Amino acid sequence: MRIAVIPDCQVKEGVPTEHLEWAGEYLADKKPDVIVNIGDWWDMPSLSSYDKGKMSFENRRYVKDVQAGNDAMDLLLAPIKKEINRQKRNKKKQWRPRMVFTIGNHEHRIERAVQADAILEDVISYDDLNLSDWEVHSFLEPVVIEGVAFAHYFTSGVMGRPVSSARALLSKRMMSCVMGHVQDRDIAFGKRADGTNLTGLFAGIFYQHSEDYLGAQNNGSWSGIWMLNEVKDGGFDELPVSLKYLKERGE
């Protein structure tokens, strides 16, 4: 089995998104069995509880946040759907990847906003998001595929905070796990008593823009997607596919 992983994209109005089309073209070419979007595709700055009252919060609009991510999703999916339709016309063996989306904390802002203000019930919801092509899983609900667990992040301790490293991810969950949420990529390896290789992977990010809250020293992390090859019983060979590579391939 081959599984592609798309890390946090944090799409919002005004950021470049052409890299998402490059990723779609790469996936259409490589044809993984499963595509996992790890969440935080939408940035949703209009629902940020951290920025309320600040000057930076001015002019943020929920509709614009949703539309930016929806348009970007169309960019990603267009090459994939084109390839699926091409095979159908040529009556070739159908490539129909399983499409898995794990809700991230940024999408979860919608649910939190509704919980905080009942007037928003039936006004905003996940139904606003362009997710009709995806198998959607709730925030922090692990999805296990061929022995590998995927979630936006995995927690440590009763407070529910994200695990702090790939090594901690392995030791806390005791199985191969892949998560997003953290800006930098990180990887750790282990082995079960039966000899099965285990991997803990922080997938990093997949966007071109800088985030103001990170400052000058913390922007510029590795950006890209992942291809997990030969996935079986929790073992896999990981292949990082950088934004730089996708750009050179797509231009």
Protein backbone atom coordinates (compact mmCIF):
# COMPACT_ATOMS: atom_id res chain seq x y z
CA MET A 1 0.00 0.00 0.00
CA ARG A 2 1.09 3.54 -0.71
CA ILE A 3 -0.25 6.42 1.39
CA ALA A 4 0.25 10.12 0.61
CA VAL A 5 0.14 12.62 3.48
CA ILE A 6 -0.62 16.33 3.08
CA PRO A 7 0.46 18.31 6.16
CA ASP A 8 -0.98 21.60 7.47
CA CYS A 9 -1.63 24.05 4.62
CA GLN A 10 -3.31 26.85 6.64
CA VAL A 11 -4.91 28.43 3.59
CA LYS A 12 -6.32 31.93 4.04
CA GLU A 13 -7.10 34.92 1.87
CA GLY A 14 -4.06 36.42 0.16
CA VAL A 15 -1.56 33.55 0.49
CA PRO A 16 -0.10 31.75 -2.55
CA THR A 17 -1.76 28.42 -3.36
CA GLU A 18 -0.28 27.25 -6.68
CA HIS A 19 1.75 24.61 -4.79
CA LEU A 20 -1.51 22.76 -4.12
CA GLU A 21 -2.01 22.22 -7.83
CA TRP A 22 1.58 20.97 -8.07
CA ALA A 23 0.81 18.48 -5.30
CA GLY A 24 -2.35 17.37 -7.08
CA GLU A 25 -0.40 16.72 -10.28
CA TYR A 26 2.22 14.72 -8.36
CA LEU A 27 -0.46 12.60 -6.68
CA ALA A 28 -2.25 12.00 -9.98
CA ASP A 29 1.05 10.75 -11.40
CA LYS A 30 2.06 8.53 -8.47
CA LYS A 31 -1.46 7.24 -7.73
CA PRO A 32 -1.28 6.38 -4.03
CA ASP A 33 -3.90 4.03 -2.60
CA VAL A 34 -4.81 6.52 0.13
CA ILE A 35 -4.48 10.30 0.42
CA VAL A 36 -4.53 11.62 3.98
CA ASN A 37 -5.06 15.34 4.52
CA ILE A 38 -3.92 15.76 8.12
CA GLY A 39 -6.05 18.89 8.81
CA ASP A 40 -5.54 22.64 9.24
CA TRP A 41 -6.16 23.02 5.52
CA TRP A 42 -8.22 26.09 6.40
CA ASP A 43 -6.52 28.66 8.63
CA MET A 44 -9.80 30.33 9.76
CA PRO A 45 -8.25 33.53 11.20
CA SER A 46 -11.70 35.13 11.62
CA LEU A 47 -12.45 32.60 14.37
CA SER A 48 -9.13 32.91 16.19
CA SER A 49 -9.71 33.45 19.90
CA TYR A 50 -6.09 34.56 20.33
CA ASP A 51 -6.34 37.67 18.14
CA LYS A 52 -9.66 39.17 19.20
CA GLY A 53 -9.27 42.80 20.18
CA LYS A 54 -5.97 43.19 18.33
CA MET A 55 -5.47 45.47 15.33
CA SER A 56 -4.56 42.40 13.25
CA PHE A 57 -8.11 41.10 13.74
CA GLU A 58 -9.66 43.92 11.70
CA ASN A 59 -11.37 43.00 8.40
CA ARG A 60 -11.31 39.26 9.01
CA ARG A 61 -14.40 37.54 7.62
CA TYR A 62 -15.58 33.93 7.99
CA VAL A 63 -16.92 33.80 4.42
CA LYS A 64 -13.53 34.82 3.03
CA ASP A 65 -11.75 32.24 5.17
CA VAL A 66 -14.00 29.46 3.94
CA GLN A 67 -13.83 30.53 0.29
CA ALA A 68 -10.02 30.70 0.29
CA GLY A 69 -9.74 27.11 1.48
CA ASN A 70 -12.52 25.88 -0.79
CA ASP A 71 -10.88 27.39 -3.87
CA ALA A 72 -7.54 25.91 -2.85
CA MET A 73 -9.13 22.48 -2.46
CA ASP A 74 -10.37 22.70 -6.03
CA LEU A 75 -6.77 23.34 -7.13
CA LEU A 76 -5.55 20.20 -5.37
CA LEU A 77 -8.36 17.97 -6.60
CA ALA A 78 -8.52 19.12 -10.23
CA PRO A 79 -5.53 17.03 -11.48
CA ILE A 80 -6.68 14.03 -9.42
CA LYS A 81 -10.20 14.12 -10.85
CA LYS A 82 -8.82 14.70 -14.33
CA GLU A 83 -6.70 11.55 -14.10
CA ILE A 84 -9.60 9.50 -12.71
CA ASN A 85 -11.83 10.64 -15.59
CA ARG A 86 -9.07 9.96 -18.14
CA GLN A 87 -8.78 6.36 -16.96
CA LYS A 88 -12.54 5.98 -17.05
CA ARG A 89 -12.71 7.16 -20.67
CA ASN A 90 -9.88 4.83 -21.68
CA LYS A 91 -11.49 1.95 -19.78
CA LYS A 92 -8.33 1.32 -17.82
CA LYS A 93 -8.12 -0.12 -14.34
CA GLN A 94 -9.65 2.53 -12.12
CA TRP A 95 -7.54 4.48 -9.67
CA ARG A 96 -9.92 5.50 -6.89
CA PRO A 97 -7.84 6.57 -3.89
CA ARG A 98 -9.36 6.55 -0.44
CA MET A 99 -9.51 10.22 0.59
CA VAL A 100 -9.17 10.81 4.34
CA PHE A 101 -9.44 14.21 6.03
CA THR A 102 -8.71 14.57 9.75
CA ILE A 103 -10.18 17.77 11.19
CA GLY A 104 -7.48 20.07 12.56
CA ASN A 105 -7.65 22.56 15.40
CA HIS A 106 -8.11 25.42 12.89
CA GLU A 107 -11.20 23.79 11.33
CA HIS A 108 -12.32 22.89 14.85
CA ARG A 109 -12.62 26.63 15.51
CA ILE A 110 -16.00 26.38 13.75
CA GLU A 111 -17.31 23.87 16.27
CA ARG A 112 -15.84 25.80 19.20
CA ALA A 113 -17.46 29.03 17.99
CA VAL A 114 -20.87 27.36 17.84
CA GLN A 115 -20.41 25.88 21.31
CA ALA A 116 -19.47 29.31 22.66
CA ASP A 117 -22.42 31.13 21.05
CA ALA A 118 -25.63 29.20 20.37
CA ILE A 119 -26.81 31.87 17.92
CA LEU A 120 -24.30 30.45 15.43
CA GLU A 121 -25.94 27.02 15.38
CA ASP A 122 -27.21 26.26 11.86
CA VAL A 123 -25.36 29.39 10.65
CA ILE A 124 -21.80 28.05 10.39
CA SER A 125 -20.70 24.42 10.25
CA TYR A 126 -18.27 21.97 8.66
CA ASP A 127 -20.81 21.73 5.83
CA ASP A 128 -19.45 25.08 4.59
CA LEU A 129 -16.11 23.42 3.83
CA ASN A 130 -15.27 21.83 0.49
CA LEU A 131 -14.99 18.30 1.88
CA SER A 132 -17.56 16.35 -0.15
CA ASP A 133 -14.80 14.25 -1.76
CA TRP A 134 -13.28 13.30 1.58
CA GLU A 135 -13.95 10.79 4.32
CA VAL A 136 -14.00 13.24 7.24
CA HIS A 137 -12.88 12.29 10.76
CA SER A 138 -13.53 14.33 13.88
CA PHE A 139 -10.89 16.45 15.59
CA LEU A 140 -8.31 14.17 17.25
CA GLU A 141 -10.12 11.00 16.13
CA PRO A 142 -7.31 8.58 15.10
CA VAL A 143 -7.68 6.84 11.75
CA VAL A 144 -5.75 3.55 11.55
CA ILE A 145 -4.77 2.41 8.07
CA GLU A 146 -2.71 -0.77 7.67
CA GLY A 147 -1.39 -0.44 11.22
CA VAL A 148 -0.49 3.27 11.00
CA ALA A 149 -2.50 5.80 13.02
CA PHE A 150 -3.20 9.24 11.57
CA ALA A 151 -4.60 12.28 13.40
CA HIS A 152 -4.06 16.02 13.34
CA TYR A 153 -2.11 15.48 16.54
CA PHE A 154 -1.81 12.94 19.32
CA THR A 155 -2.10 13.93 22.94
CA SER A 156 0.09 13.39 25.97
CA GLY A 157 -1.31 13.33 29.50
CA VAL A 158 -4.73 14.14 30.91
CA MET A 159 -4.58 17.79 29.79
CA GLY A 160 -4.71 16.73 26.16
CA ARG A 161 -1.69 18.69 24.99
CA PRO A 162 0.07 17.59 21.78
CA VAL A 163 3.03 15.25 22.15
CA SER A 164 6.30 17.14 22.01
CA SER A 165 8.40 15.03 19.66
CA ALA A 166 8.32 12.10 17.27
CA ARG A 167 10.17 10.00 19.86
CA ALA A 168 7.51 10.83 22.46
CA LEU A 169 4.83 9.99 19.89
CA LEU A 170 6.19 6.46 19.58
CA SER A 171 6.63 5.96 23.31
CA LYS A 172 3.16 7.30 24.17
CA ARG A 173 1.17 5.50 21.47
CA MET A 174 3.37 2.42 20.96
CA MET A 175 2.51 2.15 17.27
CA SER A 176 3.39 3.91 14.05
CA CYS A 177 1.73 7.34 14.02
CA VAL A 178 1.65 10.32 11.67
CA MET A 179 0.51 13.77 12.77
CA GLY A 180 0.59 17.41 11.71
CA HIS A 181 0.09 20.51 13.86
CA VAL A 182 3.80 21.14 14.54
CA GLN A 183 5.69 23.48 12.20
CA ASP A 184 8.84 21.38 11.88
CA ARG A 185 9.15 17.83 10.61
CA ASP A 186 10.49 15.22 13.00
CA ILE A 187 10.89 11.48 12.75
CA ALA A 188 11.74 8.65 15.12
CA PHE A 189 12.10 4.92 14.65
CA GLY A 190 11.44 1.90 16.83
CA LYS A 191 10.86 -1.82 16.60
CA ARG A 192 8.34 -4.18 18.11
CA ALA A 193 9.38 -7.44 19.72
CA ASP A 194 8.31 -9.30 16.59
CA GLY A 195 10.71 -7.25 14.49
CA THR A 196 8.11 -4.93 12.91
CA ASN A 197 9.54 -1.48 12.26
CA LEU A 198 7.66 1.44 13.80
CA THR A 199 7.81 5.11 12.81
CA GLY A 200 6.67 8.28 14.53
CA LEU A 201 6.34 11.15 12.06
CA PHE A 202 5.64 14.84 12.52
CA ALA A 203 4.72 15.74 8.94
CA GLY A 204 5.56 19.46 9.19
CA ILE A 205 3.84 22.01 6.94
CA PHE A 206 2.89 22.49 3.30
CA TYR A 207 2.65 26.19 2.52
CA GLN A 208 4.74 28.98 1.03
CA HIS A 209 3.80 31.94 3.20
CA SER A 210 5.27 33.11 6.51
CA GLU A 211 3.23 33.32 9.70
CA ASP A 212 3.54 36.54 11.67
CA TYR A 213 3.16 34.79 15.01
CA LEU A 214 6.27 32.67 14.36
CA GLY A 215 8.61 35.61 13.95
CA ALA A 216 11.82 35.86 11.96
CA GLN A 217 13.57 32.93 13.64
CA ASN A 218 10.83 30.31 13.43
CA ASN A 219 9.54 30.75 9.88
CA GLY A 220 11.23 28.93 7.01
CA SER A 221 10.59 25.34 8.15
CA TRP A 222 10.77 22.46 5.69
CA SER A 223 7.61 22.38 3.60
CA GLY A 224 6.29 19.51 1.52
CA ILE A 225 4.16 16.37 1.40
CA TRP A 226 4.99 12.75 2.17
CA MET A 227 4.67 9.45 0.38
CA LEU A 228 4.62 6.40 2.64
CA ASN A 229 5.65 3.42 0.55
CA GLU A 230 5.22 -0.31 1.24
CA VAL A 231 2.87 0.31 4.15
CA LYS A 232 2.09 -2.94 5.98
CA ASP A 233 1.31 -3.79 9.61
CA GLY A 234 2.59 -0.42 10.80
CA GLY A 235 5.83 -0.45 8.84
CA PHE A 236 6.59 1.84 5.91
CA ASP A 237 9.34 3.60 4.00
CA GLU A 238 8.85 7.33 4.20
CA LEU A 239 9.62 9.63 1.26
CA PRO A 240 9.60 13.40 1.85
CA VAL A 241 8.57 15.34 -1.26
CA SER A 242 9.63 18.94 -0.82
CA LEU A 243 7.81 22.07 -1.93
CA LYS A 244 10.93 23.00 -3.90
CA TYR A 245 10.82 19.70 -5.80
CA LEU A 246 7.10 20.05 -6.52
CA LYS A 247 7.65 23.60 -7.77
CA GLU A 248 10.43 22.58 -10.16
CA ARG A 249 8.32 19.67 -11.34
CA GLY A 250 5.21 21.77 -11.85
CA GLU A 251 6.70 24.76 -13.63
